[in-house]
């Protein structure tokens, strides 16, 4: 999540109000009542001035100040928005009329400063509700207050990307992901060149919502702006993998590897992204094993054609499981191959060894699960058990290397404790438990 940003502006309004050069008494009345804070009187004088001259730019100018000032006096931020809209409209009309004048009044240059002042007040109020504990404690739903103030800031200054960014972050934290995406899209439309973190945030949201076409389009745009940033390569590989385009994911990384074969980051991207897909497949396999077990148990209670039909369903499930296991095994081998390149190129990379340990340990767990699902094939059971223990030995070696490189990471020792325990290495398991500070 992006870090909240805010800007503090000086109070410009008081010094602006005495610069009017016109001798129109109604304008003088508007100026005086603005200084006195009598905004109803300002609006009344503006109405009278516009009755006399519909193109009185000063009337629109002071209307803009009056509406925004009245809005600031309303307690609840969401009740202010319509007045800020009236203020924005009045200021824009004032600018339009002033642009057509032969001699532009000084107020023309002041309009943007005043708009920015009111924008800053609302924006910073929003940030306060998001960051200041003492203020947050004064209301039941501080995020709602923040959103209200941000909507006001955007109404007053719709071209500022900053308020959109903070609003999108707030909506994300509220769980309103679709709204967060729409708001961040509006923020990026207002940026000449988005920052890396802007691209990363919106691409992540697209992927989270399975909007892969949008994620792909934005990732390609990001790569044009930041061609040396490998994070966008990782996003692109992830998008292809989520869409089931494994070959495309492999191809894009291999293309980068061909250009820079000694860059371990490319191998890490490919290895970790592919293994994420393996994890999803393994989760599905686990669910299907449970389903097959339940159906087989139900079949035992049936007879005749009903029993045969139920057993056929079990066989179909087991065939599907076998296909998924073959796919997971193939992808696991690719992930291992790439992570082994990572540690070859960066032999001091403890996290690389840890990822290899995780992959091998999960591979062993899946092999044990397959072993446990077999009832009447002793040779197959023994073969799966042997393969599982070989995978565990690989996991042990990689975890030990990770722990050797960075012994302060308790996670490595916890993983070793699990592996040692499964392999029956009791003394090593006790030592790992102590190093992990486990109870």
Protein backbone atom coordinates (compact mmCIF):
# COMPACT_ATOMS: atom_id res chain seq x y z
CA UNK A 1 0.00 0.00 0.00
CA UNK A 2 1.22 3.43 -0.84
CA UNK A 3 2.42 5.77 1.84
CA UNK A 4 0.07 8.64 2.55
CA UNK A 5 1.25 11.99 1.28
CA UNK A 6 0.09 15.50 2.14
CA UNK A 7 1.08 19.07 1.58
CA UNK A 8 0.63 22.07 3.86
CA UNK A 9 -0.10 25.36 2.13
CA UNK A 10 0.06 28.83 3.67
CA UNK A 11 -3.20 30.64 4.26
CA UNK A 12 -3.44 32.83 1.20
CA UNK A 13 -6.97 34.12 1.43
CA UNK A 14 -6.60 37.05 3.82
CA UNK A 15 -3.93 38.75 1.75
CA UNK A 16 -5.83 38.28 -1.50
CA UNK A 17 -9.06 40.03 -0.61
CA UNK A 18 -7.82 43.61 -0.65
CA UNK A 19 -6.38 43.61 -4.14
CA UNK A 20 -9.56 44.46 -6.07
CA UNK A 21 -9.16 47.45 -8.37
CA UNK A 22 -12.82 48.01 -9.41
CA UNK A 23 -14.91 50.90 -8.10
CA UNK A 24 -18.21 48.99 -8.40
CA UNK A 25 -19.95 49.43 -4.99
CA UNK A 26 -21.42 45.91 -5.15
CA UNK A 27 -17.95 44.49 -5.61
CA UNK A 28 -16.77 46.51 -2.64
CA UNK A 29 -19.69 45.13 -0.66
CA UNK A 30 -18.74 41.57 -1.60
CA UNK A 31 -15.12 42.20 -0.68
CA UNK A 32 -15.98 43.69 2.72
CA UNK A 33 -18.48 40.95 3.66
CA UNK A 34 -16.01 38.29 2.61
CA UNK A 35 -13.47 39.75 5.00
CA UNK A 36 -16.15 39.89 7.74
CA UNK A 37 -17.18 36.29 7.08
CA UNK A 38 -20.78 37.20 6.19
CA UNK A 39 -21.08 34.85 3.25
CA UNK A 40 -24.84 35.13 2.82
CA UNK A 41 -24.35 38.87 2.32
CA UNK A 42 -21.62 38.12 -0.22
CA UNK A 43 -23.94 35.84 -2.17
CA UNK A 44 -26.77 38.38 -2.01
CA UNK A 45 -24.52 41.11 -3.40
CA UNK A 46 -23.23 38.73 -6.09
CA UNK A 47 -26.79 37.95 -7.16
CA UNK A 48 -27.60 41.65 -7.44
CA UNK A 49 -24.42 42.29 -9.39
CA UNK A 50 -25.23 39.49 -11.85
CA UNK A 51 -28.75 40.86 -12.33
CA UNK A 52 -27.15 44.08 -13.51
CA UNK A 53 -24.41 42.35 -15.53
CA UNK A 54 -24.49 38.57 -16.15
CA UNK A 55 -20.80 38.77 -17.08
CA UNK A 56 -19.61 40.33 -13.84
CA UNK A 57 -16.51 38.24 -13.21
CA UNK A 58 -16.06 39.63 -9.69
CA UNK A 59 -19.47 38.32 -8.70
CA UNK A 60 -18.48 34.80 -9.74
CA UNK A 61 -15.12 35.23 -8.05
CA UNK A 62 -16.62 36.15 -4.69
CA UNK A 63 -19.33 33.52 -5.07
CA UNK A 64 -16.54 30.94 -5.32
CA UNK A 65 -14.99 32.18 -2.09
CA UNK A 66 -18.35 32.37 -0.30
CA UNK A 67 -19.52 28.89 -1.26
CA UNK A 68 -16.21 27.23 -0.26
CA UNK A 69 -16.08 29.21 2.99
CA UNK A 70 -19.65 28.20 3.84
CA UNK A 71 -18.74 24.59 3.11
CA UNK A 72 -15.90 24.78 5.60
CA UNK A 73 -18.36 25.82 8.31
CA UNK A 74 -20.46 22.66 7.90
CA UNK A 75 -19.59 19.98 10.47
CA UNK A 76 -19.94 16.76 8.46
CA UNK A 77 -17.62 16.57 5.43
CA UNK A 78 -20.08 14.71 3.21
CA UNK A 79 -22.58 17.55 3.66
CA UNK A 80 -20.07 20.03 2.23
CA UNK A 81 -19.58 18.52 -1.21
CA UNK A 82 -22.38 20.30 -3.09
CA UNK A 83 -21.17 23.70 -1.88
CA UNK A 84 -17.64 22.91 -2.97
CA UNK A 85 -19.10 21.97 -6.36
CA UNK A 86 -20.86 25.35 -6.53
CA UNK A 87 -17.60 27.04 -5.56
CA UNK A 88 -15.60 25.24 -8.26
CA UNK A 89 -18.22 26.11 -10.89
CA UNK A 90 -18.23 29.79 -9.83
CA UNK A 91 -14.44 30.05 -9.95
CA UNK A 92 -14.30 28.41 -13.39
CA UNK A 93 -16.96 30.79 -14.71
CA UNK A 94 -15.01 33.72 -13.26
CA UNK A 95 -11.86 32.55 -15.06
CA UNK A 96 -13.73 32.09 -18.33
CA UNK A 97 -15.21 35.61 -18.18
CA UNK A 98 -11.89 37.15 -17.10
CA UNK A 99 -10.06 35.46 -19.98
CA UNK A 100 -12.33 37.28 -22.41
CA UNK A 101 -11.71 40.69 -20.82
CA UNK A 102 -9.43 43.16 -22.56
CA UNK A 103 -7.56 43.73 -19.30
CA UNK A 104 -7.59 40.72 -17.00
CA UNK A 105 -8.09 41.67 -13.35
CA UNK A 106 -5.53 40.61 -10.76
CA UNK A 107 -8.08 38.19 -9.31
CA UNK A 108 -7.58 35.95 -12.36
CA UNK A 109 -4.13 34.97 -11.13
CA UNK A 110 -5.44 34.46 -7.60
CA UNK A 111 -8.21 31.96 -8.43
CA UNK A 112 -5.93 28.93 -8.71
CA UNK A 113 -4.20 29.85 -5.44
CA UNK A 114 -7.53 30.12 -3.61
CA UNK A 115 -8.77 26.82 -5.08
CA UNK A 116 -5.52 25.18 -3.98
CA UNK A 117 -5.95 26.61 -0.49
CA UNK A 118 -9.40 25.09 -0.03
CA UNK A 119 -8.23 21.84 -1.62
CA UNK A 120 -5.32 21.66 0.84
CA UNK A 121 -7.60 22.25 3.83
CA UNK A 122 -9.88 19.35 2.88
CA UNK A 123 -7.04 17.06 1.79
CA UNK A 124 -5.09 17.58 4.99
CA UNK A 125 -8.22 17.08 7.11
CA UNK A 126 -8.60 13.69 5.40
CA UNK A 127 -4.99 12.76 6.09
CA UNK A 128 -5.44 13.74 9.74
CA UNK A 129 -8.35 11.31 10.11
CA UNK A 130 -6.17 8.58 8.58
CA UNK A 131 -3.01 9.19 10.60
CA UNK A 132 -3.73 10.97 13.87
CA UNK A 133 -4.92 8.60 16.58
CA UNK A 134 -6.26 11.39 18.78
CA UNK A 135 -8.53 12.64 15.99
CA UNK A 136 -9.57 9.16 14.89
CA UNK A 137 -10.77 8.46 18.43
CA UNK A 138 -13.29 11.32 18.25
CA UNK A 139 -15.54 9.65 15.63
CA UNK A 140 -17.01 6.20 15.05
CA UNK A 141 -15.80 5.78 11.47
CA UNK A 142 -12.71 7.91 10.74
CA UNK A 143 -12.30 6.40 7.27
CA UNK A 144 -15.74 7.69 6.32
CA UNK A 145 -14.73 11.18 7.42
CA UNK A 146 -11.50 10.88 5.45
CA UNK A 147 -13.38 9.80 2.33
CA UNK A 148 -15.78 12.73 2.75
CA UNK A 149 -12.93 15.23 2.97
CA UNK A 150 -11.13 13.64 0.01
CA UNK A 151 -14.26 13.85 -2.13
CA UNK A 152 -14.44 17.53 -1.24
CA UNK A 153 -10.78 18.03 -2.15
CA UNK A 154 -11.33 16.31 -5.49
CA UNK A 155 -14.48 18.35 -6.13
CA UNK A 156 -12.53 21.53 -5.51
CA UNK A 157 -9.39 20.46 -7.40
CA UNK A 158 -10.25 17.57 -9.74
CA UNK A 159 -6.90 17.73 -11.53
CA UNK A 160 -4.82 16.81 -8.49
CA UNK A 161 -3.76 13.15 -8.54
CA UNK A 162 -2.70 13.26 -4.89
CA UNK A 163 -6.20 13.20 -3.39
CA UNK A 164 -7.19 10.39 -5.75
CA UNK A 165 -4.20 8.36 -4.56
CA UNK A 166 -5.08 8.76 -0.89
CA UNK A 167 -8.76 8.11 -1.59
CA UNK A 168 -7.92 4.92 -3.47
CA UNK A 169 -5.72 3.74 -0.60
CA UNK A 170 -8.53 4.43 1.87
CA UNK A 171 -11.07 2.58 -0.28
CA UNK A 172 -8.68 -0.36 -0.52
CA UNK A 173 -8.34 -0.49 3.26
CA UNK A 174 -12.13 -0.42 3.54
CA UNK A 175 -12.34 -3.45 1.26
CA UNK A 176 -13.89 -1.48 -1.63
CA UNK A 177 -11.51 -2.88 -4.23
CA UNK A 178 -13.54 -1.98 -7.33
CA UNK A 179 -13.90 1.61 -6.16
CA UNK A 180 -10.21 1.71 -5.28
CA UNK A 181 -9.29 0.63 -8.81
CA UNK A 182 -11.57 3.19 -10.44
CA UNK A 183 -10.17 5.97 -8.26
CA UNK A 184 -6.55 5.03 -8.94
CA UNK A 185 -7.26 4.91 -12.65
CA UNK A 186 -8.45 8.51 -12.38
CA UNK A 187 -5.30 9.39 -10.46
CA UNK A 188 -3.02 7.96 -13.12
CA UNK A 189 -4.93 9.75 -15.88
CA UNK A 190 -3.75 12.96 -14.23
CA UNK A 191 -0.07 11.96 -14.13
CA UNK A 192 2.30 12.85 -16.92
CA UNK A 193 4.43 9.79 -16.13
CA UNK A 194 3.28 7.57 -13.25
CA UNK A 195 5.88 6.48 -10.71
CA UNK A 196 6.92 2.83 -10.43
CA UNK A 197 4.87 2.44 -7.25
CA UNK A 198 1.78 3.79 -9.02
CA UNK A 199 2.04 1.14 -11.71
CA UNK A 200 2.76 -1.57 -9.14
CA UNK A 201 -0.28 -0.69 -7.02
CA UNK A 202 -2.81 -0.63 -9.86
CA UNK A 203 -1.42 -3.71 -11.60
CA UNK A 204 -1.63 -5.59 -8.30
CA UNK A 205 -5.27 -4.56 -7.92
CA UNK A 206 -6.07 -5.71 -11.45
CA UNK A 207 -4.48 -9.09 -10.79
CA UNK A 208 -6.31 -9.33 -7.45
CA UNK A 209 -9.61 -8.86 -9.28
CA UNK A 210 -8.58 -11.22 -12.11
CA UNK A 211 -8.70 -8.39 -14.63
CA UNK A 212 -5.78 -9.85 -16.52
CA UNK A 213 -6.28 -7.98 -19.79
CA UNK A 214 -6.19 -4.65 -17.95
CA UNK A 215 -3.18 -5.83 -15.94
CA UNK A 216 -1.38 -6.87 -19.12
CA UNK A 217 -2.05 -3.56 -20.88
CA UNK A 218 -0.86 -1.50 -17.92
CA UNK A 219 2.20 -3.70 -17.40
CA UNK A 220 3.25 -3.20 -20.99
CA UNK A 221 2.85 0.55 -20.54
CA UNK A 222 4.95 0.39 -17.36
CA UNK A 223 7.70 -1.52 -19.16
CA UNK A 224 7.86 1.23 -21.78
CA UNK A 225 8.34 3.84 -19.05
CA UNK A 226 10.67 1.70 -16.91
CA UNK A 227 12.34 -0.86 -19.20
CA UNK A 228 14.98 -1.83 -16.63
CA UNK A 229 12.57 -2.61 -13.81
CA UNK A 230 12.28 -6.39 -13.39
CA UNK A 231 9.20 -6.07 -11.16
CA UNK A 232 7.10 -5.53 -14.28
CA UNK A 233 8.60 -8.62 -15.84
CA UNK A 234 7.43 -10.51 -12.76
CA UNK A 235 3.96 -9.03 -13.14
CA UNK A 236 3.85 -10.01 -16.78
CA UNK A 237 4.95 -13.56 -16.02
CA UNK A 238 2.35 -13.76 -13.24
CA UNK A 239 -0.39 -12.55 -15.59
CA UNK A 240 0.51 -15.17 -18.20
CA UNK A 241 0.63 -17.88 -15.55
CA UNK A 242 -2.75 -16.88 -14.08
CA UNK A 243 -4.21 -17.07 -17.58
CA UNK A 244 -2.69 -20.51 -18.03
CA UNK A 245 -0.16 -19.25 -20.61
CA UNK A 246 2.84 -20.96 -19.04
CA UNK A 247 4.74 -21.10 -22.32
CA UNK A 248 4.41 -17.33 -22.76
CA UNK A 249 5.55 -16.74 -19.19
CA UNK A 250 8.59 -18.93 -19.73
CA UNK A 251 9.30 -17.30 -23.10
CA UNK A 252 9.36 -13.74 -21.78
CA UNK A 253 11.73 -14.62 -18.96
CA UNK A 254 13.93 -16.70 -21.23
CA UNK A 255 14.18 -13.76 -23.60
CA UNK A 256 15.48 -11.62 -20.75
CA UNK A 257 17.80 -14.40 -19.61
CA UNK A 258 19.21 -14.65 -23.12
CA UNK A 259 20.07 -10.94 -23.00
CA UNK A 260 21.46 -11.15 -19.47
CA UNK A 261 22.15 -14.78 -18.52
CA UNK A 262 23.97 -13.90 -15.31
CA UNK A 263 21.08 -11.98 -13.74
CA UNK A 264 19.71 -14.15 -10.90
CA UNK A 265 16.62 -11.96 -10.56
CA UNK A 266 15.19 -13.26 -13.84
CA UNK A 267 15.51 -16.87 -12.69
CA UNK A 268 13.95 -15.95 -9.35
CA UNK A 269 10.98 -14.31 -11.09
CA UNK A 270 10.33 -17.35 -13.23
CA UNK A 271 10.87 -19.85 -10.43
CA UNK A 272 8.66 -18.14 -7.87
CA UNK A 273 5.88 -17.23 -10.30
CA UNK A 274 5.65 -20.73 -11.71
CA UNK A 275 5.63 -22.19 -8.22
CA UNK A 276 2.68 -20.00 -7.27
CA UNK A 277 0.76 -21.83 -9.95
CA UNK A 278 1.95 -25.16 -8.53
CA UNK A 279 0.58 -24.15 -5.14
CA UNK A 280 -2.85 -23.46 -6.64
CA UNK A 281 -2.82 -26.83 -8.43
CA UNK A 282 -1.80 -28.64 -5.24
CA UNK A 283 -4.66 -26.99 -3.35
CA UNK A 284 -7.06 -28.28 -6.00
CA UNK A 285 -5.53 -31.76 -5.82
CA UNK A 286 -5.99 -31.82 -2.05
CA UNK A 287 -9.67 -30.91 -2.44
CA UNK A 288 -10.13 -33.63 -5.06
CA UNK A 289 -8.47 -36.25 -2.86
CA UNK A 290 -10.98 -35.42 -0.12
CA UNK A 291 -13.81 -35.61 -2.62
CA UNK A 292 -12.61 -38.97 -3.94
CA UNK A 293 -12.28 -40.34 -0.39
CA UNK A 294 -15.84 -39.28 0.48
CA UNK A 295 -17.27 -40.72 -2.73
CA UNK A 296 -15.42 -44.02 -2.24
CA UNK A 297 -16.76 -44.28 1.32
CA UNK A 298 -20.29 -43.62 0.07
CA UNK A 299 -19.85 -46.24 -2.66
CA UNK A 300 -19.15 -48.95 -0.07
CA UNK A 301 -22.63 -48.42 1.34
CA UNK A 302 -24.27 -48.94 -2.06
CA UNK A 303 -24.88 -52.01 -4.17
CA UNK A 304 -25.55 -52.99 -7.74
CA UNK A 305 -25.59 -50.33 -10.45
CA UNK A 306 -25.52 -47.49 -7.93
CA UNK A 307 -22.28 -48.82 -6.49
CA UNK A 308 -20.71 -49.19 -9.93
CA UNK A 309 -21.75 -45.68 -10.92
CA UNK A 310 -20.25 -44.21 -7.75
CA UNK A 311 -17.00 -46.12 -8.26
CA UNK A 312 -16.83 -44.86 -11.85
CA UNK A 313 -17.04 -41.31 -10.49
CA UNK A 314 -14.17 -42.10 -8.12
CA UNK A 315 -12.08 -43.44 -11.00
CA UNK A 316 -12.80 -40.31 -13.05
CA UNK A 317 -11.71 -38.15 -10.14
CA UNK A 318 -8.51 -40.13 -9.70
CA UNK A 319 -7.73 -39.76 -13.41
CA UNK A 320 -8.19 -36.00 -13.10
CA UNK A 321 -5.99 -35.98 -10.02
CA UNK A 322 -3.29 -37.90 -11.88
CA UNK A 323 -3.34 -35.34 -14.71
CA UNK A 324 -3.05 -32.45 -12.25
CA UNK A 325 -0.25 -34.22 -10.38
CA UNK A 326 1.68 -34.65 -13.61
CA UNK A 327 1.22 -30.95 -14.43
CA UNK A 328 2.28 -29.92 -10.91
CA UNK A 329 5.33 -32.18 -11.08
CA UNK A 330 6.42 -30.70 -14.41
CA UNK A 331 6.01 -27.13 -13.15
CA UNK A 332 7.77 -27.97 -9.89
CA UNK A 333 10.79 -29.21 -11.82
CA UNK A 334 10.87 -25.93 -13.80
CA UNK A 335 10.65 -23.92 -10.57
CA UNK A 336 13.47 -25.94 -9.00
CA UNK A 337 15.66 -25.59 -12.08
CA UNK A 338 15.32 -21.81 -12.02
CA UNK A 339 15.81 -21.44 -8.27
CA UNK A 340 18.93 -23.57 -8.50
CA UNK A 341 20.22 -21.04 -11.03
CA UNK A 342 19.50 -18.30 -8.51
CA UNK A 343 21.68 -19.86 -5.82
CA UNK A 344 24.35 -20.79 -8.36
CA UNK A 345 24.63 -17.16 -9.43
CA UNK A 346 24.13 -15.83 -5.88
CA UNK A 347 25.58 -18.47 -3.54
CA UNK A 348 25.11 -16.20 -0.50
CA UNK A 349 21.37 -15.78 -1.14
CA UNK A 350 19.83 -17.43 1.94
CA UNK A 351 16.29 -16.68 0.75
CA UNK A 352 16.96 -18.50 -2.51
CA UNK A 353 17.95 -21.64 -0.56
CA UNK A 354 14.89 -21.20 1.63
CA UNK A 355 12.58 -21.08 -1.40
CA UNK A 356 14.20 -24.25 -2.71
CA UNK A 357 13.65 -25.86 0.66
CA UNK A 358 9.97 -24.91 0.59
CA UNK A 359 9.53 -26.31 -2.92
CA UNK A 360 11.18 -29.62 -2.03
CA UNK A 361 9.32 -29.91 1.27
CA UNK A 362 5.97 -29.35 -0.45
CA UNK A 363 6.95 -31.81 -3.15
CA UNK A 364 7.60 -34.39 -0.41
CA UNK A 365 4.24 -33.62 1.22
CA UNK A 366 2.42 -34.19 -2.08
CA UNK A 367 4.25 -37.48 -2.63
CA UNK A 368 3.32 -38.62 0.88
CA UNK A 369 -0.30 -37.69 0.14
CA UNK A 370 -0.22 -39.79 -3.02
CA UNK A 371 1.31 -42.65 -1.05
CA UNK A 372 -1.39 -42.50 1.58
CA UNK A 373 -4.15 -42.58 -1.03
CA UNK A 374 -3.06 -45.96 -2.40
CA UNK A 375 -4.60 -49.04 -0.80
CA UNK A 376 -3.55 -52.19 -2.64
CA UNK A 377 -0.32 -51.47 -4.54
CA UNK A 378 2.56 -52.09 -2.11
CA UNK A 379 5.30 -51.48 -4.67
CA UNK A 380 3.82 -48.13 -5.68
CA UNK A 381 3.51 -47.13 -2.01
CA UNK A 382 7.18 -47.93 -1.41
CA UNK A 383 8.27 -46.02 -4.52
CA UNK A 384 6.30 -42.91 -3.55
CA UNK A 385 7.68 -43.11 -0.01
CA UNK A 386 11.24 -43.29 -1.38
CA UNK A 387 10.66 -40.30 -3.67
CA UNK A 388 9.13 -38.30 -0.82
CA UNK A 389 12.08 -38.92 1.46
CA UNK A 390 14.52 -37.99 -1.29
CA UNK A 391 12.66 -34.70 -1.70
CA UNK A 392 12.82 -34.17 2.07
CA UNK A 393 16.58 -34.70 2.02
CA UNK A 394 16.85 -32.01 -0.67
CA UNK A 395 14.69 -29.73 1.45
CA UNK A 396 16.91 -30.41 4.49
CA UNK A 397 20.11 -29.53 2.61
CA UNK A 398 18.68 -26.25 1.31
CA UNK A 399 17.20 -25.22 4.66
CA UNK A 400 20.52 -26.02 6.35
CA UNK A 401 22.35 -23.82 3.83
CA UNK A 402 19.84 -20.98 4.39
CA UNK A 403 20.26 -21.29 8.17
CA UNK A 404 24.04 -21.38 7.81
CA UNK A 405 24.00 -18.14 5.81
CA UNK A 406 21.53 -16.38 8.07
CA UNK A 407 21.15 -18.20 11.40
CA UNK A 408 19.10 -15.39 12.94
CA UNK A 409 16.02 -16.23 10.85
CA UNK A 410 13.84 -18.43 13.06
CA UNK A 411 11.72 -19.51 10.09
CA UNK A 412 14.63 -21.51 8.70
CA UNK A 413 15.04 -23.42 11.98
CA UNK A 414 11.30 -24.04 12.24
CA UNK A 415 11.36 -25.57 8.76
CA UNK A 416 14.36 -27.68 9.69
CA UNK A 417 12.57 -28.86 12.83
CA UNK A 418 9.67 -30.10 10.69
CA UNK A 419 11.96 -31.86 8.21
CA UNK A 420 14.20 -33.41 10.90
CA UNK A 421 11.13 -34.68 12.75
CA UNK A 422 9.68 -36.32 9.63
CA UNK A 423 13.05 -37.93 8.83
CA UNK A 424 13.39 -39.23 12.40
CA UNK A 425 16.46 -37.08 13.16
CA UNK A 426 15.53 -36.47 16.79
CA UNK A 427 18.74 -34.86 18.05
CA UNK A 428 18.84 -32.43 15.13
CA UNK A 429 15.15 -31.67 15.61
CA UNK A 430 15.74 -30.73 19.27
CA UNK A 431 18.59 -28.42 18.32
CA UNK A 432 16.51 -26.79 15.57
CA UNK A 433 13.66 -26.31 18.03
CA UNK A 434 15.99 -24.51 20.41
CA UNK A 435 17.46 -22.34 17.65
CA UNK A 436 13.95 -21.39 16.54
CA UNK A 437 13.09 -20.53 20.16
CA UNK A 438 10.07 -22.82 19.94
CA UNK A 439 8.20 -23.89 23.05
